[in-house]
C-alpha atoms as a PDB file:
ATOM      1  CA  MET A   1     -89.295 -25.355  -0.969  1.00  0.00           C
ATOM      2  CA  SER A   2     -89.758 -29.432  -1.480  1.00  0.00           C
ATOM      3  CA  ASP A   3     -88.370 -31.795   1.129  1.00  0.00           C
ATOM      4  CA  ASN A   4     -86.424 -33.428  -1.533  1.00  0.00           C
ATOM      5  CA  VAL A   5     -84.400 -30.299  -1.653  1.00  0.00           C
ATOM      6  CA  ILE A   6     -81.954 -29.700   0.753  1.00  0.00           C
ATOM      7  CA  GLU A   7     -80.258 -26.539   2.528  1.00  0.00           C
ATOM      8  CA  LEU A   8     -76.511 -26.410   1.398  1.00  0.00           C
ATOM      9  CA  THR A   9     -74.019 -23.986   3.129  1.00  0.00           C
ATOM     10  CA  ASP A  10     -70.634 -23.779   3.683  1.00  0.00           C
ATOM     11  CA  ALA A  11     -70.665 -25.672   6.824  1.00  0.00           C
ATOM     12  CA  ASN A  12     -72.360 -28.658   5.087  1.00  0.00           C
ATOM     13  CA  PHE A  13     -71.345 -28.289   1.159  1.00  0.00           C
ATOM     14  CA  GLN A  14     -68.105 -30.782   1.313  1.00  0.00           C
ATOM     15  CA  SER A  15     -70.306 -33.717   2.905  1.00  0.00           C
ATOM     16  CA  GLU A  16     -73.743 -33.024   1.604  1.00  0.00           C
ATOM     17  CA  ALA A  17     -72.167 -32.166  -1.989  1.00  0.00           C
ATOM     18  CA  LEU A  18     -68.677 -32.662  -2.568  1.00  0.00           C
ATOM     19  CA  GLU A  19     -68.526 -36.397  -1.184  1.00  0.00           C
ATOM     20  CA  ALA A  20     -72.070 -37.741  -1.863  1.00  0.00           C
ATOM     21  CA  ASP A  21     -72.116 -41.129  -3.281  1.00  0.00           C
ATOM     22  CA  LYS A  22     -74.895 -39.697  -6.455  1.00  0.00           C
ATOM     23  CA  PRO A  23     -74.970 -36.495  -8.612  1.00  0.00           C
ATOM     24  CA  VAL A  24     -76.108 -33.528  -6.663  1.00  0.00           C
ATOM     25  CA  LEU A  25     -77.478 -30.613  -8.547  1.00  0.00           C
ATOM     26  CA  VAL A  26     -76.977 -27.494  -6.647  1.00  0.00           C
ATOM     27  CA  ASP A  27     -79.075 -24.397  -7.351  1.00  0.00           C
ATOM     28  CA  PHE A  28     -76.908 -20.902  -6.573  1.00  0.00           C
ATOM     29  CA  TRP A  29     -79.614 -18.646  -5.403  1.00  0.00           C
ATOM     30  CA  ALA A  30     -80.630 -15.883  -3.263  1.00  0.00           C
ATOM     31  CA  PRO A  31     -84.035 -14.579  -2.074  1.00  0.00           C
ATOM     32  CA  TRP A  32     -83.607 -11.074  -3.711  1.00  0.00           C
ATOM     33  CA  CYS A  33     -83.297 -12.757  -7.008  1.00  0.00           C
ATOM     34  CA  GLY A  34     -86.435 -12.733  -9.432  1.00  0.00           C
ATOM     35  CA  PRO A  35     -85.230 -15.463 -11.780  1.00  0.00           C
ATOM     36  CA  CYS A  36     -84.059 -17.262  -8.934  1.00  0.00           C
ATOM     37  CA  ARG A  37     -88.070 -17.529  -8.128  1.00  0.00           C
ATOM     38  CA  MET A  38     -88.624 -18.599 -11.374  1.00  0.00           C
ATOM     39  CA  VAL A  39     -86.228 -21.469 -10.997  1.00  0.00           C
ATOM     40  CA  GLY A  40     -87.409 -22.400  -7.447  1.00  0.00           C
ATOM     41  CA  PRO A  41     -90.421 -24.558  -8.471  1.00  0.00           C
ATOM     42  CA  ILE A  42     -88.123 -26.566 -11.293  1.00  0.00           C
ATOM     43  CA  ILE A  43     -85.654 -27.190  -8.827  1.00  0.00           C
ATOM     44  CA  ASP A  44     -88.212 -28.952  -6.546  1.00  0.00           C
ATOM     45  CA  ASP A  45     -89.892 -30.557  -9.613  1.00  0.00           C
ATOM     46  CA  VAL A  46     -86.737 -31.444 -10.452  1.00  0.00           C
ATOM     47  CA  ALA A  47     -85.738 -33.055  -6.898  1.00  0.00           C
ATOM     48  CA  GLU A  48     -88.818 -35.343  -7.042  1.00  0.00           C
ATOM     49  CA  THR A  49     -88.229 -36.616 -10.510  1.00  0.00           C
ATOM     50  CA  TYR A  50     -84.830 -37.270  -9.847  1.00  0.00           C
ATOM     51  CA  LEU A  51     -85.603 -38.841  -6.142  1.00  0.00           C
ATOM     52  CA  ASN A  52     -83.113 -41.432  -5.471  1.00  0.00           C
ATOM     53  CA  LYS A  53     -81.422 -40.901  -8.394  1.00  0.00           C
ATOM     54  CA  VAL A  54     -79.796 -37.144  -7.820  1.00  0.00           C
ATOM     55  CA  LYS A  55     -79.294 -35.250  -4.794  1.00  0.00           C
ATOM     56  CA  VAL A  56     -80.827 -31.540  -4.974  1.00  0.00           C
ATOM     57  CA  GLY A  57     -79.651 -28.478  -3.384  1.00  0.00           C
ATOM     58  CA  LYS A  58     -79.558 -24.679  -2.485  1.00  0.00           C
ATOM     59  CA  LEU A  59     -77.268 -22.464  -1.799  1.00  0.00           C
ATOM     60  CA  ASN A  60     -78.127 -19.081  -0.508  1.00  0.00           C
ATOM     61  CA  THR A  61     -75.375 -17.070  -2.068  1.00  0.00           C
ATOM     62  CA  ASP A  62     -75.673 -14.014   0.555  1.00  0.00           C
ATOM     63  CA  ASP A  63     -75.508 -16.391   3.639  1.00  0.00           C
ATOM     64  CA  ASN A  64     -73.004 -18.866   2.217  1.00  0.00           C
ATOM     65  CA  PRO A  65     -69.942 -16.281   0.349  1.00  0.00           C
ATOM     66  CA  GLN A  66     -67.031 -19.167   0.614  1.00  0.00           C
ATOM     67  CA  VAL A  67     -68.372 -21.689  -1.619  1.00  0.00           C
ATOM     68  CA  ALA A  68     -70.039 -19.147  -4.144  1.00  0.00           C
ATOM     69  CA  THR A  69     -66.700 -17.306  -4.328  1.00  0.00           C
ATOM     70  CA  LYS A  70     -64.868 -20.966  -4.817  1.00  0.00           C
ATOM     71  CA  TYR A  71     -66.777 -21.842  -8.005  1.00  0.00           C
ATOM     72  CA  GLY A  72     -67.032 -18.505  -9.214  1.00  0.00           C
ATOM     73  CA  ILE A  73     -70.448 -17.771  -8.608  1.00  0.00           C
ATOM     74  CA  ARG A  74     -70.860 -14.402 -10.657  1.00  0.00           C
ATOM     75  CA  SER A  75     -74.445 -14.619 -11.939  1.00  0.00           C
ATOM     76  CA  ILE A  76     -77.814 -16.114 -10.158  1.00  0.00           C
ATOM     77  CA  PRO A  77     -79.267 -18.137 -10.716  1.00  0.00           C
ATOM     78  CA  THR A  78     -76.622 -20.822 -11.663  1.00  0.00           C
ATOM     79  CA  ILE A  79     -76.895 -24.148 -11.110  1.00  0.00           C
ATOM     80  CA  LEU A  80     -74.097 -27.061 -10.825  1.00  0.00           C
ATOM     81  CA  LEU A  81     -74.216 -30.316 -11.163  1.00  0.00           C
ATOM     82  CA  PHE A  82     -71.356 -32.302  -8.926  1.00  0.00           C
ATOM     83  CA  LYS A  83     -70.079 -35.979  -9.351  1.00  0.00           C
ATOM     84  CA  ASN A  84     -67.864 -37.514  -7.983  1.00  0.00           C
ATOM     85  CA  GLY A  85     -66.988 -33.763  -6.173  1.00  0.00           C
ATOM     86  CA  GLU A  86     -66.102 -32.262  -9.703  1.00  0.00           C
ATOM     87  CA  VAL A  87     -68.396 -29.904 -11.889  1.00  0.00           C
ATOM     88  CA  VAL A  88     -69.689 -32.009 -14.999  1.00  0.00           C
ATOM     89  CA  GLY A  89     -72.624 -30.033 -15.727  1.00  0.00           C
ATOM     90  CA  ASN A  90     -73.856 -25.766 -15.699  1.00  0.00           C
ATOM     91  CA  LEU A  91     -76.684 -23.967 -16.500  1.00  0.00           C
ATOM     92  CA  MET A  92     -77.329 -19.728 -16.007  1.00  0.00           C
ATOM     93  CA  GLY A  93     -79.996 -17.945 -15.522  1.00  0.00           C
ATOM     94  CA  ALA A  94     -83.896 -18.949 -15.593  1.00  0.00           C
ATOM     95  CA  LYS A  95     -84.013 -22.424 -17.781  1.00  0.00           C
ATOM     96  CA  PRO A  96     -87.152 -24.258 -18.848  1.00  0.00           C
ATOM     97  CA  LYS A  97     -86.882 -28.230 -16.911  1.00  0.00           C
ATOM     98  CA  GLN A  98     -86.206 -29.746 -19.987  1.00  0.00           C
ATOM     99  CA  ASP A  99     -82.318 -28.068 -20.059  1.00  0.00           C
ATOM    100  CA  PHE A 100     -81.957 -29.644 -16.247  1.00  0.00           C
ATOM    101  CA  GLU A 101     -83.037 -32.694 -17.493  1.00  0.00           C
ATOM    102  CA  GLU A 102     -80.584 -33.120 -20.468  1.00  0.00           C
ATOM    103  CA  MET A 103     -77.981 -32.124 -18.285  1.00  0.00           C
ATOM    104  CA  ILE A 104     -78.715 -34.825 -15.731  1.00  0.00           C
ATOM    105  CA  ASN A 105     -79.469 -37.448 -18.144  1.00  0.00           C
ATOM    106  CA  GLN A 106     -76.008 -37.141 -19.344  1.00  0.00           C
ATOM    107  CA  HIS A 107     -74.537 -38.056 -15.671  1.00  0.00           C
ATOM    108  CA  VAL A 108     -77.311 -40.693 -14.212  1.00  0.00           C
END
């Protein structure tokens, strides 16, 4: 995981994601998930590309079930984009970087 990607948890999700002063891209993932491992490098690349514009975090759904349940995460990887505490975009499954950029560019 890149230095520009923060680890999100049930405990810090409110402060790190919902109360952030810029959009937050959250990757809901698990270590056993093959498509999640495929998306990992893209998440790192997005964090680098949008440094200072978008906060990027990963939330392990196995270790943090409360947030995953709250947002109805039933399939991983699921990537949600939050802005002002609200979900403004989502992607499901392994997607190319271009899909992430299109979603983010609508909200930065």
